[in-house]
Amino acid sequence: MAALGPLGPGSDPHAHDLCAQHAERLSVPAGWLVIRHEAMRS
């Protein structure tokens, strides 16, 4: 599973924050599920 949501409020090297362009292009391995936070849907 991969979950996408708003950027974190602070810097965390383990958060793996993505910009909007990269979040839109995200692909995951076969069998994985992508869950997008409602605020990120266009």
N, C-alpha and C. Protein backbone atom coordinates (compact mmCIF):
# COMPACT_ATOMS: atom_id res chain seq x y z
N MET A 1 0.85 -1.17 0.00
CA MET A 1 0.00 0.00 0.00
C MET A 1 0.89 1.23 0.00
N ALA A 2 0.48 2.24 -0.73
CA ALA A 2 1.14 3.54 -0.73
C ALA A 2 0.06 4.58 -0.44
N ALA A 3 0.29 5.43 0.55
CA ALA A 3 -0.68 6.46 0.91
C ALA A 3 -0.10 7.82 0.56
N LEU A 4 -0.90 8.65 -0.13
CA LEU A 4 -0.49 10.00 -0.51
C LEU A 4 -1.39 11.00 0.20
N GLY A 5 -0.78 11.99 0.82
CA GLY A 5 -1.54 13.02 1.50
C GLY A 5 -0.79 14.34 1.42
N PRO A 6 -1.29 15.35 2.10
CA PRO A 6 -0.62 16.66 2.08
C PRO A 6 0.80 16.55 2.63
N LEU A 7 1.65 17.48 2.24
CA LEU A 7 3.02 17.50 2.73
C LEU A 7 3.04 17.64 4.25
N GLY A 8 4.01 17.02 4.86
CA GLY A 8 4.15 17.11 6.30
C GLY A 8 4.52 18.52 6.74
N PRO A 9 4.19 18.88 7.98
CA PRO A 9 4.47 20.23 8.46
C PRO A 9 5.95 20.49 8.72
N GLY A 10 6.73 19.44 8.90
CA GLY A 10 8.15 19.61 9.19
C GLY A 10 9.00 18.73 8.29
N SER A 11 10.28 18.94 8.38
CA SER A 11 11.22 18.15 7.58
C SER A 11 11.44 16.80 8.25
N ASP A 12 11.18 15.73 7.51
CA ASP A 12 11.39 14.37 8.02
C ASP A 12 11.99 13.54 6.89
N PRO A 13 13.24 13.11 7.02
CA PRO A 13 13.89 12.38 5.94
C PRO A 13 13.22 11.04 5.63
N HIS A 14 12.37 10.55 6.53
CA HIS A 14 11.69 9.27 6.30
C HIS A 14 10.28 9.45 5.74
N ALA A 15 9.84 10.69 5.54
CA ALA A 15 8.48 10.94 5.05
C ALA A 15 8.37 10.76 3.55
N HIS A 16 9.45 10.93 2.82
CA HIS A 16 9.46 10.79 1.36
C HIS A 16 8.38 11.67 0.71
N ASP A 17 8.34 12.95 1.09
CA ASP A 17 7.38 13.88 0.51
C ASP A 17 7.60 14.01 -0.99
N LEU A 18 6.51 14.11 -1.74
CA LEU A 18 6.56 14.28 -3.19
C LEU A 18 5.91 15.60 -3.58
N CYS A 19 6.45 16.25 -4.60
CA CYS A 19 5.79 17.44 -5.14
C CYS A 19 4.55 16.97 -5.91
N ALA A 20 3.68 17.90 -6.27
CA ALA A 20 2.43 17.56 -6.96
C ALA A 20 2.68 16.81 -8.26
N GLN A 21 3.68 17.22 -9.03
CA GLN A 21 3.97 16.57 -10.32
C GLN A 21 4.37 15.11 -10.11
N HIS A 22 5.23 14.85 -9.16
CA HIS A 22 5.66 13.47 -8.92
C HIS A 22 4.56 12.64 -8.25
N ALA A 23 3.76 13.25 -7.40
CA ALA A 23 2.65 12.53 -6.78
C ALA A 23 1.64 12.08 -7.83
N GLU A 24 1.41 12.93 -8.83
CA GLU A 24 0.47 12.59 -9.90
C GLU A 24 0.98 11.44 -10.75
N ARG A 25 2.29 11.33 -10.91
CA ARG A 25 2.90 10.31 -11.77
C ARG A 25 3.28 9.04 -11.01
N LEU A 26 3.00 8.99 -9.72
CA LEU A 26 3.39 7.85 -8.91
C LEU A 26 2.82 6.55 -9.45
N SER A 27 3.66 5.55 -9.54
CA SER A 27 3.19 4.20 -9.86
C SER A 27 3.74 3.27 -8.80
N VAL A 28 3.00 2.22 -8.52
CA VAL A 28 3.40 1.27 -7.48
C VAL A 28 3.49 -0.12 -8.08
N PRO A 29 4.16 -1.02 -7.41
CA PRO A 29 4.28 -2.39 -7.92
C PRO A 29 2.92 -3.07 -8.09
N ALA A 30 2.86 -4.04 -8.98
CA ALA A 30 1.63 -4.81 -9.21
C ALA A 30 1.14 -5.39 -7.89
N GLY A 31 -0.16 -5.25 -7.66
CA GLY A 31 -0.76 -5.77 -6.44
C GLY A 31 -0.83 -4.77 -5.30
N TRP A 32 -0.13 -3.64 -5.42
CA TRP A 32 -0.17 -2.61 -4.39
C TRP A 32 -1.41 -1.74 -4.60
N LEU A 33 -1.85 -1.09 -3.56
CA LEU A 33 -2.99 -0.18 -3.59
C LEU A 33 -2.49 1.23 -3.29
N VAL A 34 -2.95 2.21 -4.07
CA VAL A 34 -2.61 3.62 -3.81
C VAL A 34 -3.83 4.28 -3.17
N ILE A 35 -3.63 4.88 -2.02
CA ILE A 35 -4.69 5.61 -1.32
C ILE A 35 -4.31 7.08 -1.35
N ARG A 36 -5.18 7.92 -1.93
CA ARG A 36 -4.92 9.36 -2.03
C ARG A 36 -5.84 10.11 -1.07
N HIS A 37 -5.26 11.02 -0.31
CA HIS A 37 -6.01 11.87 0.60
C HIS A 37 -7.01 12.68 -0.23
N GLU A 38 -8.21 12.86 0.25
CA GLU A 38 -9.28 13.54 -0.50
C GLU A 38 -8.86 14.93 -0.97
N ALA A 39 -8.07 15.66 -0.19
CA ALA A 39 -7.65 17.01 -0.57
C ALA A 39 -6.74 17.01 -1.79
N MET A 40 -6.17 15.86 -2.15
CA MET A 40 -5.24 15.79 -3.28
C MET A 40 -5.94 15.43 -4.58
N ARG A 41 -7.20 15.07 -4.52
CA ARG A 41 -7.92 14.70 -5.74
C ARG A 41 -8.27 15.95 -6.53
N SER A 42 -8.17 15.83 -7.88
CA SER A 42 -8.50 17.00 -8.70
C SER A 42 -9.86 16.86 -9.33
